[in-house]
Amino acid sequence: MLGEVLLLILFFSFPTQTTSNAYDDADAYEVYATILPSEWPLRVAHAKKIVIRRETRFFQMCLKPDPESEARFAPAIADYIKQNKKKWLLQPKFFLATPYQFFEGGFDDVVKQGGWEQYYRQYQDSGGLIEFSAVGFNVDKTVAVVYMGHGCGSLCGGGGFHTLKKVDGKWKPFEWKGQSCGWAS
């Protein structure tokens, strides 16, 4: 009995992490702003307002650089894995030409809340729902690795990893050499 009471006291005495930490990395928001315009919701669906899942999401690392790229990308891939061990809350720090708002939940929550028809009644002209991982960087923040996915219906969506390099202070897509993965529905 005393052991059970002590366990209860210990359990309620220490805070448990129920919320994610704020994601405040300015370089990460520059990376997101670089890849968003080339993605389906803006490029194909011509979204007038972007809806972004507020909480970052880890996606299993599948990038395997070719031998020439290994030294350049290995630190950013390792940091991607480290940064995505926990969830982060994205902040209103996106500098985009298209207005955006956050969605509290994920693709599964869309279905639970009435499906994609209900979603599009609430988020008209959004082109769907976008999800990001946290960004992995090399030590000097000149190479970045990030996952971005989007859902736009029960059989509509896609996602994959993006690799970028910083050139003259601006993030640019980097042509990946090696094994990669992605998905489309």
N, C-alpha and C. Protein backbone atom coordinates (compact mmCIF):
# COMPACT_ATOMS: atom_id res chain seq x y z
N MET A 1 0.83 -1.20 0.00
CA MET A 1 0.00 0.00 0.00
C MET A 1 0.88 1.26 0.00
N LEU A 2 1.89 1.28 0.89
CA LEU A 2 2.77 2.43 0.95
C LEU A 2 3.49 2.63 -0.38
N GLY A 3 3.90 1.53 -1.03
CA GLY A 3 4.58 1.60 -2.32
C GLY A 3 3.68 2.21 -3.38
N GLU A 4 2.38 1.83 -3.36
CA GLU A 4 1.43 2.38 -4.34
C GLU A 4 1.24 3.87 -4.12
N VAL A 5 1.15 4.29 -2.85
CA VAL A 5 0.99 5.72 -2.54
C VAL A 5 2.21 6.50 -3.01
N LEU A 6 3.41 5.96 -2.76
CA LEU A 6 4.63 6.62 -3.20
C LEU A 6 4.68 6.73 -4.73
N LEU A 7 4.25 5.67 -5.41
CA LEU A 7 4.22 5.73 -6.88
C LEU A 7 3.26 6.82 -7.36
N LEU A 8 2.09 6.92 -6.73
CA LEU A 8 1.12 7.95 -7.12
C LEU A 8 1.68 9.34 -6.84
N ILE A 9 2.34 9.52 -5.71
CA ILE A 9 2.93 10.82 -5.38
C ILE A 9 4.00 11.17 -6.41
N LEU A 10 4.85 10.21 -6.73
CA LEU A 10 5.90 10.45 -7.73
C LEU A 10 5.28 10.78 -9.09
N PHE A 11 4.24 10.04 -9.48
CA PHE A 11 3.62 10.26 -10.78
C PHE A 11 3.03 11.67 -10.90
N PHE A 12 2.34 12.11 -9.87
CA PHE A 12 1.69 13.42 -9.93
C PHE A 12 2.61 14.57 -9.54
N SER A 13 3.78 14.28 -9.02
CA SER A 13 4.71 15.33 -8.62
C SER A 13 5.56 15.85 -9.77
N PHE A 14 5.73 15.05 -10.80
CA PHE A 14 6.59 15.45 -11.91
C PHE A 14 5.73 15.75 -13.12
N PRO A 15 5.98 16.87 -13.77
CA PRO A 15 5.18 17.19 -14.95
C PRO A 15 5.48 16.22 -16.08
N THR A 16 4.45 15.88 -16.82
CA THR A 16 4.64 15.05 -18.00
C THR A 16 4.50 15.95 -19.21
N GLN A 17 5.27 15.64 -20.25
CA GLN A 17 5.23 16.48 -21.44
C GLN A 17 3.99 16.13 -22.25
N THR A 18 3.00 17.00 -22.23
CA THR A 18 1.78 16.79 -22.99
C THR A 18 1.74 17.69 -24.21
N THR A 19 2.57 18.71 -24.24
CA THR A 19 2.61 19.59 -25.38
C THR A 19 4.01 19.58 -25.98
N SER A 20 4.08 19.99 -27.21
CA SER A 20 5.36 20.05 -27.90
C SER A 20 6.02 21.39 -27.63
N ASN A 21 7.32 21.44 -27.85
CA ASN A 21 8.07 22.68 -27.70
C ASN A 21 7.89 23.55 -28.94
N ALA A 22 7.99 24.85 -28.75
CA ALA A 22 7.91 25.78 -29.88
C ALA A 22 9.12 25.59 -30.77
N TYR A 23 8.89 25.55 -32.06
CA TYR A 23 9.97 25.39 -33.04
C TYR A 23 10.33 26.79 -33.53
N ASP A 24 11.50 27.29 -33.12
CA ASP A 24 11.88 28.68 -33.38
C ASP A 24 13.09 28.84 -34.28
N ASP A 25 13.51 27.82 -34.99
CA ASP A 25 14.70 27.90 -35.82
C ASP A 25 14.41 28.69 -37.11
N ALA A 26 14.97 29.89 -37.22
CA ALA A 26 14.71 30.77 -38.37
C ALA A 26 15.13 30.12 -39.68
N ASP A 27 16.24 29.39 -39.67
CA ASP A 27 16.67 28.71 -40.90
C ASP A 27 15.65 27.67 -41.35
N ALA A 28 15.02 27.00 -40.40
CA ALA A 28 14.02 26.00 -40.76
C ALA A 28 12.85 26.65 -41.51
N TYR A 29 12.41 27.81 -41.08
CA TYR A 29 11.30 28.48 -41.76
C TYR A 29 11.72 28.96 -43.15
N GLU A 30 12.98 29.31 -43.32
CA GLU A 30 13.48 29.65 -44.67
C GLU A 30 13.46 28.41 -45.57
N VAL A 31 13.82 27.26 -45.01
CA VAL A 31 13.79 26.01 -45.76
C VAL A 31 12.35 25.70 -46.18
N TYR A 32 11.41 25.78 -45.24
CA TYR A 32 10.01 25.51 -45.56
C TYR A 32 9.52 26.45 -46.67
N ALA A 33 9.85 27.73 -46.56
CA ALA A 33 9.41 28.72 -47.56
C ALA A 33 10.04 28.45 -48.92
N THR A 34 11.20 27.83 -48.95
CA THR A 34 11.86 27.50 -50.22
C THR A 34 11.16 26.35 -50.93
N ILE A 35 10.75 25.32 -50.18
CA ILE A 35 10.17 24.14 -50.84
C ILE A 35 8.67 24.27 -51.11
N LEU A 36 7.95 25.05 -50.32
CA LEU A 36 6.50 25.13 -50.48
C LEU A 36 6.03 25.54 -51.88
N PRO A 37 6.58 26.56 -52.53
CA PRO A 37 6.06 26.97 -53.83
C PRO A 37 6.12 25.90 -54.91
N SER A 38 7.03 24.94 -54.79
CA SER A 38 7.16 23.91 -55.81
C SER A 38 6.29 22.69 -55.52
N GLU A 39 5.58 22.70 -54.43
CA GLU A 39 4.77 21.55 -54.04
C GLU A 39 3.36 21.62 -54.61
N TRP A 40 2.72 20.45 -54.67
CA TRP A 40 1.42 20.27 -55.31
C TRP A 40 0.36 21.27 -54.88
N PRO A 41 0.16 21.53 -53.58
CA PRO A 41 -0.93 22.44 -53.20
C PRO A 41 -0.84 23.82 -53.87
N LEU A 42 0.35 24.33 -54.07
CA LEU A 42 0.49 25.64 -54.72
C LEU A 42 0.69 25.50 -56.23
N ARG A 43 1.52 24.57 -56.64
CA ARG A 43 1.88 24.45 -58.05
C ARG A 43 0.73 23.92 -58.90
N VAL A 44 -0.03 22.93 -58.40
CA VAL A 44 -1.09 22.29 -59.17
C VAL A 44 -2.48 22.75 -58.72
N ALA A 45 -2.73 22.71 -57.41
CA ALA A 45 -4.06 23.06 -56.89
C ALA A 45 -4.27 24.57 -56.82
N HIS A 46 -3.20 25.34 -56.96
CA HIS A 46 -3.26 26.81 -56.90
C HIS A 46 -3.98 27.29 -55.64
N ALA A 47 -3.55 26.74 -54.51
CA ALA A 47 -4.16 27.08 -53.22
C ALA A 47 -4.09 28.59 -52.98
N LYS A 48 -5.20 29.12 -52.51
CA LYS A 48 -5.25 30.55 -52.18
C LYS A 48 -4.92 30.80 -50.72
N LYS A 49 -5.00 29.73 -49.93
CA LYS A 49 -4.62 29.78 -48.52
C LYS A 49 -4.06 28.41 -48.17
N ILE A 50 -2.89 28.39 -47.59
CA ILE A 50 -2.24 27.13 -47.22
C ILE A 50 -2.64 26.76 -45.80
N VAL A 51 -2.92 25.47 -45.61
CA VAL A 51 -3.21 24.95 -44.27
C VAL A 51 -2.08 23.99 -43.91
N ILE A 52 -1.41 24.28 -42.79
CA ILE A 52 -0.23 23.54 -42.36
C ILE A 52 -0.51 22.89 -41.01
N ARG A 53 -0.22 21.62 -40.92
CA ARG A 53 -0.34 20.93 -39.63
C ARG A 53 0.60 21.60 -38.64
N ARG A 54 0.09 21.96 -37.49
CA ARG A 54 0.84 22.74 -36.50
C ARG A 54 2.02 21.96 -35.90
N GLU A 55 1.82 20.68 -35.67
CA GLU A 55 2.84 19.88 -35.01
C GLU A 55 3.68 19.15 -36.06
N THR A 56 5.00 19.21 -35.89
CA THR A 56 5.86 18.49 -36.83
C THR A 56 5.65 17.00 -36.67
N ARG A 57 6.07 16.27 -37.69
CA ARG A 57 5.89 14.83 -37.68
C ARG A 57 7.15 14.16 -38.21
N PHE A 58 7.57 13.12 -37.53
CA PHE A 58 8.74 12.36 -37.95
C PHE A 58 8.35 11.40 -39.06
N PHE A 59 9.16 11.36 -40.09
CA PHE A 59 9.01 10.39 -41.15
C PHE A 59 10.31 9.60 -41.22
N GLN A 60 10.19 8.29 -41.33
CA GLN A 60 11.35 7.40 -41.31
C GLN A 60 12.37 7.83 -42.36
N MET A 61 13.60 7.99 -41.93
CA MET A 61 14.67 8.41 -42.83
C MET A 61 14.96 7.30 -43.83
N CYS A 62 14.92 7.64 -45.09
CA CYS A 62 15.19 6.66 -46.15
C CYS A 62 16.28 7.14 -47.11
N LEU A 63 16.78 8.35 -46.90
CA LEU A 63 17.83 8.86 -47.78
C LEU A 63 19.15 8.15 -47.51
N LYS A 64 19.78 7.69 -48.59
CA LYS A 64 21.11 7.09 -48.50
C LYS A 64 21.94 7.74 -49.59
N PRO A 65 22.80 8.69 -49.19
CA PRO A 65 23.59 9.40 -50.19
C PRO A 65 24.58 8.48 -50.91
N ASP A 66 24.90 8.84 -52.17
CA ASP A 66 25.94 8.10 -52.87
C ASP A 66 27.28 8.40 -52.20
N PRO A 67 28.31 7.63 -52.47
CA PRO A 67 29.59 7.82 -51.79
C PRO A 67 30.16 9.24 -51.90
N GLU A 68 29.94 9.91 -53.04
CA GLU A 68 30.45 11.28 -53.21
C GLU A 68 29.74 12.28 -52.31
N SER A 69 28.49 12.00 -51.97
CA SER A 69 27.67 12.94 -51.18
C SER A 69 27.64 12.61 -49.70
N GLU A 70 28.17 11.46 -49.32
CA GLU A 70 28.07 10.98 -47.93
C GLU A 70 28.58 12.01 -46.92
N ALA A 71 29.76 12.54 -47.12
CA ALA A 71 30.34 13.48 -46.15
C ALA A 71 29.51 14.75 -46.05
N ARG A 72 28.92 15.18 -47.14
CA ARG A 72 28.12 16.41 -47.15
C ARG A 72 26.78 16.23 -46.42
N PHE A 73 26.12 15.09 -46.61
CA PHE A 73 24.77 14.92 -46.10
C PHE A 73 24.66 14.15 -44.79
N ALA A 74 25.64 13.34 -44.44
CA ALA A 74 25.54 12.54 -43.22
C ALA A 74 25.25 13.37 -41.97
N PRO A 75 25.91 14.53 -41.75
CA PRO A 75 25.60 15.32 -40.56
C PRO A 75 24.15 15.85 -40.55
N ALA A 76 23.64 16.27 -41.70
CA ALA A 76 22.26 16.79 -41.76
C ALA A 76 21.25 15.66 -41.54
N ILE A 77 21.55 14.47 -42.06
CA ILE A 77 20.66 13.32 -41.85
C ILE A 77 20.66 12.94 -40.37
N ALA A 78 21.83 12.92 -39.76
CA ALA A 78 21.91 12.60 -38.32
C ALA A 78 21.14 13.64 -37.50
N ASP A 79 21.25 14.91 -37.86
CA ASP A 79 20.53 15.96 -37.15
C ASP A 79 19.02 15.84 -37.38
N TYR A 80 18.61 15.46 -38.58
CA TYR A 80 17.19 15.23 -38.86
C TYR A 80 16.64 14.20 -37.88
N ILE A 81 17.35 13.09 -37.74
CA ILE A 81 16.90 12.03 -36.83
C ILE A 81 16.85 12.56 -35.40
N LYS A 82 17.86 13.30 -34.97
CA LYS A 82 17.90 13.86 -33.62
C LYS A 82 16.76 14.85 -33.39
N GLN A 83 16.57 15.79 -34.31
CA GLN A 83 15.53 16.83 -34.15
C GLN A 83 14.13 16.24 -34.13
N ASN A 84 13.93 15.13 -34.81
CA ASN A 84 12.59 14.55 -34.92
C ASN A 84 12.30 13.49 -33.88
N LYS A 85 13.15 13.38 -32.86
CA LYS A 85 12.85 12.47 -31.75
C LYS A 85 11.70 12.99 -30.92
N LYS A 86 11.42 14.28 -31.05
CA LYS A 86 10.27 14.85 -30.36
C LYS A 86 9.48 15.68 -31.38
N LYS A 87 8.27 16.00 -31.00
CA LYS A 87 7.43 16.82 -31.86
C LYS A 87 7.63 18.28 -31.50
N TRP A 88 7.52 19.12 -32.49
CA TRP A 88 7.67 20.56 -32.31
C TRP A 88 6.39 21.25 -32.76
N LEU A 89 6.09 22.38 -32.16
CA LEU A 89 4.96 23.20 -32.61
C LEU A 89 5.48 24.30 -33.52
N LEU A 90 5.03 24.27 -34.76
CA LEU A 90 5.42 25.32 -35.70
C LEU A 90 4.85 26.65 -35.24
N GLN A 91 5.57 27.70 -35.50
CA GLN A 91 5.20 29.05 -35.08
C GLN A 91 4.82 29.88 -36.32
N PRO A 92 4.12 30.98 -36.15
CA PRO A 92 3.74 31.81 -37.31
C PRO A 92 4.94 32.61 -37.83
N LYS A 93 5.94 31.89 -38.32
CA LYS A 93 7.18 32.51 -38.79
C LYS A 93 7.45 32.19 -40.26
N PHE A 94 6.43 31.75 -40.97
CA PHE A 94 6.58 31.46 -42.40
C PHE A 94 6.47 32.77 -43.16
N PHE A 95 7.43 33.04 -44.02
CA PHE A 95 7.38 34.22 -44.88
C PHE A 95 7.02 33.73 -46.27
N LEU A 96 5.73 33.78 -46.57
CA LEU A 96 5.20 33.22 -47.81
C LEU A 96 4.35 34.26 -48.54
N ALA A 97 4.29 34.13 -49.85
CA ALA A 97 3.45 35.02 -50.65
C ALA A 97 1.98 34.64 -50.48
N THR A 98 1.71 33.38 -50.17
CA THR A 98 0.34 32.89 -50.00
C THR A 98 0.00 32.89 -48.50
N PRO A 99 -1.18 33.38 -48.13
CA PRO A 99 -1.56 33.32 -46.71
C PRO A 99 -1.62 31.87 -46.22
N TYR A 100 -1.42 31.68 -44.92
CA TYR A 100 -1.47 30.34 -44.36
C TYR A 100 -2.11 30.38 -42.98
N GLN A 101 -2.51 29.20 -42.53
CA GLN A 101 -2.99 29.03 -41.17
C GLN A 101 -2.62 27.64 -40.71
N PHE A 102 -2.66 27.43 -39.40
CA PHE A 102 -2.31 26.15 -38.82
C PHE A 102 -3.54 25.30 -38.60
N PHE A 103 -3.34 23.99 -38.70
CA PHE A 103 -4.36 23.00 -38.41
C PHE A 103 -3.87 22.21 -37.21
N GLU A 104 -4.69 22.11 -36.19
CA GLU A 104 -4.33 21.36 -34.98
C GLU A 104 -4.77 19.92 -35.17
N GLY A 105 -3.90 19.10 -35.68
CA GLY A 105 -4.20 17.70 -35.92
C GLY A 105 -3.49 17.23 -37.16
N GLY A 106 -3.84 16.05 -37.64
CA GLY A 106 -3.21 15.49 -38.82
C GLY A 106 -4.22 14.91 -39.77
N PHE A 107 -3.75 14.14 -40.73
CA PHE A 107 -4.63 13.57 -41.74
C PHE A 107 -5.72 12.72 -41.10
N ASP A 108 -5.37 11.92 -40.09
CA ASP A 108 -6.36 11.07 -39.43
C ASP A 108 -7.46 11.90 -38.78
N ASP A 109 -7.09 13.07 -38.25
CA ASP A 109 -8.08 13.93 -37.62
C ASP A 109 -9.07 14.49 -38.63
N VAL A 110 -8.63 14.69 -39.87
CA VAL A 110 -9.53 15.18 -40.92
C VAL A 110 -10.66 14.17 -41.12
N VAL A 111 -10.30 12.89 -41.20
CA VAL A 111 -11.29 11.84 -41.41
C VAL A 111 -12.24 11.76 -40.21
N LYS A 112 -11.69 11.84 -39.00
CA LYS A 112 -12.51 11.76 -37.79
C LYS A 112 -13.49 12.93 -37.69
N GLN A 113 -13.11 14.08 -38.23
CA GLN A 113 -13.94 15.27 -38.11
C GLN A 113 -14.89 15.46 -39.30
N GLY A 114 -15.16 14.40 -40.03
CA GLY A 114 -16.16 14.50 -41.09
C GLY A 114 -15.62 14.30 -42.49
N GLY A 115 -14.37 13.95 -42.62
CA GLY A 115 -13.82 13.64 -43.92
C GLY A 115 -13.38 14.86 -44.71
N TRP A 116 -12.89 14.59 -45.91
CA TRP A 116 -12.33 15.64 -46.75
C TRP A 116 -13.38 16.63 -47.23
N GLU A 117 -14.61 16.17 -47.43
CA GLU A 117 -15.67 17.12 -47.84
C GLU A 117 -15.87 18.19 -46.77
N GLN A 118 -15.94 17.76 -45.52
CA GLN A 118 -16.08 18.70 -44.41
C GLN A 118 -14.85 19.59 -44.31
N TYR A 119 -13.68 19.02 -44.49
CA TYR A 119 -12.44 19.78 -44.43
C TYR A 119 -12.47 20.91 -45.46
N TYR A 120 -12.84 20.58 -46.70
CA TYR A 120 -12.84 21.61 -47.75
C TYR A 120 -13.96 22.64 -47.57
N ARG A 121 -15.02 22.29 -46.85
CA ARG A 121 -16.03 23.31 -46.52
C ARG A 121 -15.41 24.33 -45.56
N GLN A 122 -14.58 23.85 -44.65
CA GLN A 122 -13.95 24.74 -43.67
C GLN A 122 -12.72 25.44 -44.24
N TYR A 123 -11.96 24.75 -45.08
CA TYR A 123 -10.70 25.30 -45.61
C TYR A 123 -10.77 25.35 -47.14
N GLN A 124 -11.67 26.16 -47.64
CA GLN A 124 -11.85 26.29 -49.09
C GLN A 124 -10.57 26.79 -49.75
N ASP A 125 -10.34 26.31 -50.95
CA ASP A 125 -9.20 26.74 -51.77
C ASP A 125 -7.85 26.54 -51.08
N SER A 126 -7.77 25.52 -50.21
CA SER A 126 -6.52 25.27 -49.50
C SER A 126 -5.60 24.30 -50.22
N GLY A 127 -6.15 23.52 -51.13
CA GLY A 127 -5.33 22.50 -51.79
C GLY A 127 -4.99 21.33 -50.89
N GLY A 128 -5.58 21.28 -49.70
CA GLY A 128 -5.35 20.16 -48.79
C GLY A 128 -4.64 20.57 -47.52
N LEU A 129 -3.97 19.63 -46.93
CA LEU A 129 -3.28 19.81 -45.65
C LEU A 129 -1.81 19.45 -45.80
N ILE A 130 -0.94 20.31 -45.36
CA ILE A 130 0.51 20.12 -45.48
C ILE A 130 1.09 19.72 -44.13
N GLU A 131 2.06 18.78 -44.16
CA GLU A 131 2.78 18.36 -42.96
C GLU A 131 4.27 18.52 -43.20
N PHE A 132 4.99 18.91 -42.15
CA PHE A 132 6.44 19.02 -42.19
C PHE A 132 7.06 18.22 -41.06
N SER A 133 8.28 17.81 -41.29
CA SER A 133 9.12 17.33 -40.20
C SER A 133 9.90 18.53 -39.69
N ALA A 134 10.62 18.34 -38.60
CA ALA A 134 11.64 19.33 -38.22
C ALA A 134 12.76 19.19 -39.24
N VAL A 135 13.57 20.23 -39.38
CA VAL A 135 14.64 20.24 -40.38
C VAL A 135 15.94 19.78 -39.74
N GLY A 136 16.66 18.94 -40.46
CA GLY A 136 18.00 18.55 -40.04
C GLY A 136 19.03 19.37 -40.79
N PHE A 137 20.02 19.88 -40.06
CA PHE A 137 21.07 20.71 -40.66
C PHE A 137 22.44 20.11 -40.40
N ASN A 138 23.40 20.45 -41.26
CA ASN A 138 24.79 20.14 -40.93
C ASN A 138 25.25 21.18 -39.92
N VAL A 139 26.46 21.05 -39.42
CA VAL A 139 26.94 21.91 -38.32
C VAL A 139 26.92 23.39 -38.67
N ASP A 140 27.34 23.75 -39.87
CA ASP A 140 27.39 25.18 -40.22
C ASP A 140 26.13 25.67 -40.93
N LYS A 141 25.09 24.85 -40.93
CA LYS A 141 23.79 25.20 -41.51
C LYS A 141 23.90 25.65 -42.97
N THR A 142 24.60 24.84 -43.75
CA THR A 142 24.68 25.08 -45.19
C THR A 142 24.03 23.95 -45.97
N VAL A 143 23.62 22.88 -45.28
CA VAL A 143 22.93 21.75 -45.89
C VAL A 143 21.73 21.42 -45.00
N ALA A 144 20.59 21.15 -45.64
CA ALA A 144 19.36 20.85 -44.89
C ALA A 144 18.66 19.63 -45.47
N VAL A 145 18.00 18.89 -44.59
CA VAL A 145 17.18 17.74 -44.97
C VAL A 145 15.85 17.88 -44.25
N VAL A 146 14.76 17.76 -45.01
CA VAL A 146 13.43 17.93 -44.43
C VAL A 146 12.43 17.06 -45.19
N TYR A 147 11.39 16.64 -44.49
CA TYR A 147 10.29 15.91 -45.12
C TYR A 147 9.09 16.85 -45.21
N MET A 148 8.40 16.79 -46.34
CA MET A 148 7.13 17.50 -46.50
C MET A 148 6.15 16.57 -47.19
N GLY A 149 4.94 16.52 -46.66
CA GLY A 149 3.88 15.74 -47.26
C GLY A 149 2.61 16.56 -47.33
N HIS A 150 1.68 16.12 -48.17
CA HIS A 150 0.38 16.79 -48.22
C HIS A 150 -0.70 15.75 -48.48
N GLY A 151 -1.85 16.01 -47.91
CA GLY A 151 -3.04 15.21 -48.17
C GLY A 151 -4.08 16.11 -48.78
N CYS A 152 -4.79 15.59 -49.77
CA CYS A 152 -5.80 16.42 -50.44
C CYS A 152 -7.09 15.65 -50.70
N GLY A 153 -7.19 14.44 -50.21
CA GLY A 153 -8.38 13.62 -50.35
C GLY A 153 -8.07 12.21 -49.95
N SER A 154 -9.10 11.34 -49.99
CA SER A 154 -8.87 9.96 -49.55
C SER A 154 -7.88 9.23 -50.44
N LEU A 155 -7.82 9.55 -51.70
CA LEU A 155 -6.82 8.98 -52.60
C LEU A 155 -6.06 10.10 -53.30
N CYS A 156 -5.64 11.08 -52.52
CA CYS A 156 -4.94 12.23 -53.07
C CYS A 156 -3.91 12.69 -52.05
N GLY A 157 -2.67 12.70 -52.45
CA GLY A 157 -1.62 13.16 -51.55
C GLY A 157 -0.27 12.71 -52.03
N GLY A 158 0.74 13.13 -51.32
CA GLY A 158 2.10 12.73 -51.65
C GLY A 158 3.07 13.33 -50.66
N GLY A 159 4.28 12.86 -50.74
CA GLY A 159 5.29 13.40 -49.85
C GLY A 159 6.65 12.82 -50.14
N GLY A 160 7.65 13.47 -49.59
CA GLY A 160 9.01 13.00 -49.77
C GLY A 160 10.01 13.93 -49.10
N PHE A 161 11.24 13.52 -49.15
CA PHE A 161 12.32 14.30 -48.56
C PHE A 161 12.84 15.33 -49.54
N HIS A 162 13.31 16.44 -48.99
CA HIS A 162 13.94 17.50 -49.76
C HIS A 162 15.33 17.72 -49.18
N THR A 163 16.28 17.93 -50.06
CA THR A 163 17.63 18.28 -49.65
C THR A 163 17.94 19.65 -50.23
N LEU A 164 18.54 20.49 -49.41
CA LEU A 164 18.83 21.85 -49.84
C LEU A 164 20.23 22.25 -49.43
N LYS A 165 20.76 23.25 -50.11
CA LYS A 165 22.05 23.82 -49.74
C LYS A 165 21.90 25.33 -49.72
N LYS A 166 22.69 25.97 -48.88
CA LYS A 166 22.65 27.43 -48.77
C LYS A 166 23.73 28.01 -49.69
N VAL A 167 23.28 28.85 -50.61
CA VAL A 167 24.17 29.48 -51.58
C VAL A 167 23.96 30.98 -51.50
N ASP A 168 25.01 31.72 -51.22
CA ASP A 168 24.93 33.18 -51.10
C ASP A 168 23.81 33.62 -50.15
N GLY A 169 23.66 32.90 -49.04
CA GLY A 169 22.69 33.25 -48.03
C GLY A 169 21.26 32.82 -48.31
N LYS A 170 21.02 32.09 -49.41
CA LYS A 170 19.66 31.63 -49.77
C LYS A 170 19.64 30.11 -49.89
N TRP A 171 18.54 29.50 -49.45
CA TRP A 171 18.38 28.06 -49.58
C TRP A 171 17.96 27.72 -51.00
N LYS A 172 18.61 26.71 -51.56
CA LYS A 172 18.33 26.24 -52.92
C LYS A 172 18.18 24.72 -52.89
N PRO A 173 17.25 24.18 -53.70
CA PRO A 173 17.15 22.72 -53.78
C PRO A 173 18.48 22.13 -54.26
N PHE A 174 18.80 20.98 -53.71
CA PHE A 174 20.04 20.29 -54.05
C PHE A 174 19.67 19.02 -54.80
N GLU A 175 20.27 18.80 -55.94
CA GLU A 175 19.97 17.59 -56.71
C GLU A 175 20.52 16.38 -55.95
N TRP A 176 19.61 15.52 -55.51
CA TRP A 176 19.97 14.39 -54.69
C TRP A 176 20.60 13.30 -55.54
N LYS A 177 21.69 12.74 -55.02
CA LYS A 177 22.34 11.60 -55.66
C LYS A 177 22.42 10.50 -54.63
N GLY A 178 21.71 9.45 -54.88
CA GLY A 178 21.66 8.32 -53.96
C GLY A 178 20.25 7.76 -53.90
N GLN A 179 19.98 6.93 -52.89
CA GLN A 179 18.65 6.34 -52.73
C GLN A 179 17.74 7.32 -52.02
N SER A 180 16.50 7.33 -52.45
CA SER A 180 15.49 8.20 -51.85
C SER A 180 14.17 7.44 -51.80
N CYS A 181 13.16 8.07 -51.26
CA CYS A 181 11.83 7.49 -51.24
C CYS A 181 10.80 8.60 -51.24
N GLY A 182 9.61 8.26 -51.55
CA GLY A 182 8.49 9.20 -51.52
C GLY A 182 7.21 8.40 -51.68
N TRP A 183 6.10 9.07 -51.64
CA TRP A 183 4.83 8.39 -51.82
C TRP A 183 3.86 9.30 -52.56
N ALA A 184 2.92 8.70 -53.22
CA ALA A 184 1.86 9.44 -53.91
C ALA A 184 0.60 8.58 -53.91
N SER A 185 -0.53 9.25 -53.83
CA SER A 185 -1.81 8.55 -53.83
C SER A 185 -2.73 9.23 -54.80
